[in-house]
């Protein structure tokens, strides 16, 4: 049974690596998201994270609802954020995520959020430019 689980884990890791974005794809995705990003804000409300997408070594998009998303920038060093398989966005103030107070956590790293920009995701969808949010 252990052997089967080990083989399954290896195959999952290989499959995840095969579908990882290349730097060129990440750059294209980031450019698309930045096109729809508003002015920086201090915070946003998040009861739960609907989904997220890595957009490079210091940027991620997080959805708080189906059509509500934010572009987050984290302080460096934040090693291999673009390869994260799962993240947690902290909230020090009861469902309010604040820049400089909250963090993106993954793989034993604690990366401070330094910028929050709301995304006009509804317009992005209307324009047929939804990115490739798959996480």
Protein backbone atom coordinates (compact mmCIF):
# COMPACT_ATOMS: atom_id res chain seq x y z
CA UNK A 1 0.00 0.00 0.00
CA UNK A 2 2.86 2.39 0.85
CA UNK A 3 4.47 1.69 -2.50
CA UNK A 4 1.23 2.62 -4.31
CA UNK A 5 0.95 5.86 -2.32
CA UNK A 6 4.58 6.74 -3.06
CA UNK A 7 4.08 6.11 -6.78
CA UNK A 8 0.88 8.18 -6.77
CA UNK A 9 2.67 11.03 -4.97
CA UNK A 10 5.52 10.96 -7.51
CA UNK A 11 3.10 10.99 -10.44
CA UNK A 12 1.20 13.92 -8.91
CA UNK A 13 4.44 15.86 -8.48
CA UNK A 14 5.46 15.17 -12.09
CA UNK A 15 2.04 16.23 -13.37
CA UNK A 16 2.13 19.45 -11.34
CA UNK A 17 5.58 20.26 -12.70
CA UNK A 18 4.47 19.55 -16.26
CA UNK A 19 1.68 22.14 -15.97
CA UNK A 20 3.71 24.83 -14.17
CA UNK A 21 3.73 28.20 -15.91
CA UNK A 22 6.90 29.22 -17.70
CA UNK A 23 8.36 32.67 -16.94
CA UNK A 24 6.97 33.94 -20.27
CA UNK A 25 3.47 32.67 -19.42
CA UNK A 26 3.70 34.20 -15.94
CA UNK A 27 4.74 37.54 -17.44
CA UNK A 28 1.84 37.44 -19.93
CA UNK A 29 -0.63 36.51 -17.17
CA UNK A 30 0.69 39.30 -14.92
CA UNK A 31 0.37 41.85 -17.75
CA UNK A 32 -3.26 40.79 -18.29
CA UNK A 33 -4.08 41.14 -14.60
CA UNK A 34 -2.27 44.48 -14.24
CA UNK A 35 -4.36 45.84 -17.14
CA UNK A 36 -7.47 45.44 -14.94
CA UNK A 37 -5.91 46.42 -11.59
CA UNK A 38 -7.15 49.56 -9.86
CA UNK A 39 -5.27 51.96 -7.63
CA UNK A 40 -3.65 50.52 -4.50
CA UNK A 41 -5.86 50.19 -1.41
CA UNK A 42 -4.98 49.63 2.23
CA UNK A 43 -7.17 46.55 2.82
CA UNK A 44 -9.98 44.29 1.65
CA UNK A 45 -12.47 41.95 3.27
CA UNK A 46 -11.97 38.22 2.88
CA UNK A 47 -14.21 35.72 4.65
CA UNK A 48 -12.64 32.90 2.66
CA UNK A 49 -10.42 32.53 -0.37
CA UNK A 50 -12.37 31.29 -3.39
CA UNK A 51 -9.21 30.64 -5.47
CA UNK A 52 -5.80 32.08 -6.21
CA UNK A 53 -3.23 32.27 -9.00
CA UNK A 54 0.51 32.83 -8.85
CA UNK A 55 1.71 35.56 -11.18
CA UNK A 56 5.45 35.64 -10.52
CA UNK A 57 8.01 35.75 -7.73
CA UNK A 58 6.23 38.54 -5.83
CA UNK A 59 2.64 38.69 -7.15
CA UNK A 60 -0.52 36.65 -6.77
CA UNK A 61 -4.19 37.16 -7.55
CA UNK A 62 -6.69 36.08 -4.90
CA UNK A 63 -10.43 35.75 -5.34
CA UNK A 64 -12.64 36.42 -2.33
CA UNK A 65 -15.79 35.61 -4.33
CA UNK A 66 -16.47 34.29 -7.81
CA UNK A 67 -16.12 37.75 -9.41
CA UNK A 68 -14.14 39.65 -6.76
CA UNK A 69 -10.35 39.53 -6.98
CA UNK A 70 -7.26 41.39 -5.79
CA UNK A 71 -3.70 41.60 -7.05
CA UNK A 72 -1.27 41.27 -4.13
CA UNK A 73 2.42 42.15 -4.12
CA UNK A 74 4.60 40.69 -1.40
CA UNK A 75 7.94 41.89 -0.04
CA UNK A 76 11.08 40.11 -1.13
CA UNK A 77 12.71 37.79 -0.46
CA UNK A 78 9.79 35.45 -0.95
CA UNK A 79 11.49 32.42 -2.42
CA UNK A 80 9.64 30.43 -5.09
CA UNK A 81 6.17 31.96 -4.61
CA UNK A 82 5.59 31.27 -8.30
CA UNK A 83 5.92 27.54 -7.56
CA UNK A 84 3.66 27.43 -4.48
CA UNK A 85 1.11 24.62 -4.48
CA UNK A 86 -1.00 26.20 -1.76
CA UNK A 87 -1.09 29.51 0.11
CA UNK A 88 -2.69 31.09 3.16
CA UNK A 89 -3.47 34.80 3.33
CA UNK A 90 -3.40 35.98 6.94
CA UNK A 91 -5.92 38.37 8.46
CA UNK A 92 -4.84 40.03 11.70
CA UNK A 93 -7.99 42.15 11.96
CA UNK A 94 -11.00 39.80 11.71
CA UNK A 95 -11.51 39.20 7.99
CA UNK A 96 -9.72 42.39 6.92
CA UNK A 97 -6.53 41.76 4.97
CA UNK A 98 -4.24 44.78 5.40
CA UNK A 99 -1.10 45.69 3.56
CA UNK A 100 1.94 45.76 5.85
CA UNK A 101 0.02 43.89 8.61
CA UNK A 102 -0.82 40.66 6.81
CA UNK A 103 1.11 37.98 4.96
CA UNK A 104 1.01 35.33 2.29
CA UNK A 105 2.20 32.09 3.88
CA UNK A 106 3.39 29.04 1.95
CA UNK A 107 6.06 26.38 2.30
CA UNK A 108 7.19 27.66 5.73
CA UNK A 109 7.55 31.23 4.42
CA UNK A 110 5.84 34.33 5.76
CA UNK A 111 5.81 37.02 3.03
CA UNK A 112 4.51 40.48 3.95
CA UNK A 113 1.84 42.00 1.70
CA UNK A 114 3.14 45.39 0.54
CA UNK A 115 0.51 46.29 -2.06
CA UNK A 116 -3.16 45.45 -2.65
CA UNK A 117 -4.89 46.39 -5.91
CA UNK A 118 -8.52 45.51 -6.61
CA UNK A 119 -9.09 43.79 -9.95
CA UNK A 120 -12.00 44.66 -12.24
CA UNK A 121 -12.53 40.96 -12.81
CA UNK A 122 -16.03 41.34 -14.26
CA UNK A 123 -14.65 43.55 -17.04
CA UNK A 124 -11.75 41.15 -17.48
CA UNK A 125 -14.26 38.33 -18.04
CA UNK A 126 -16.37 40.45 -20.42
CA UNK A 127 -13.23 41.18 -22.43
CA UNK A 128 -12.56 37.43 -22.59
CA UNK A 129 -9.32 37.94 -20.70
CA UNK A 130 -9.78 35.77 -17.60
CA UNK A 131 -6.19 34.59 -17.27
CA UNK A 132 -5.63 30.97 -16.34
CA UNK A 133 -6.73 30.80 -12.71
CA UNK A 134 -6.56 27.13 -11.90
CA UNK A 135 -5.69 26.86 -8.22
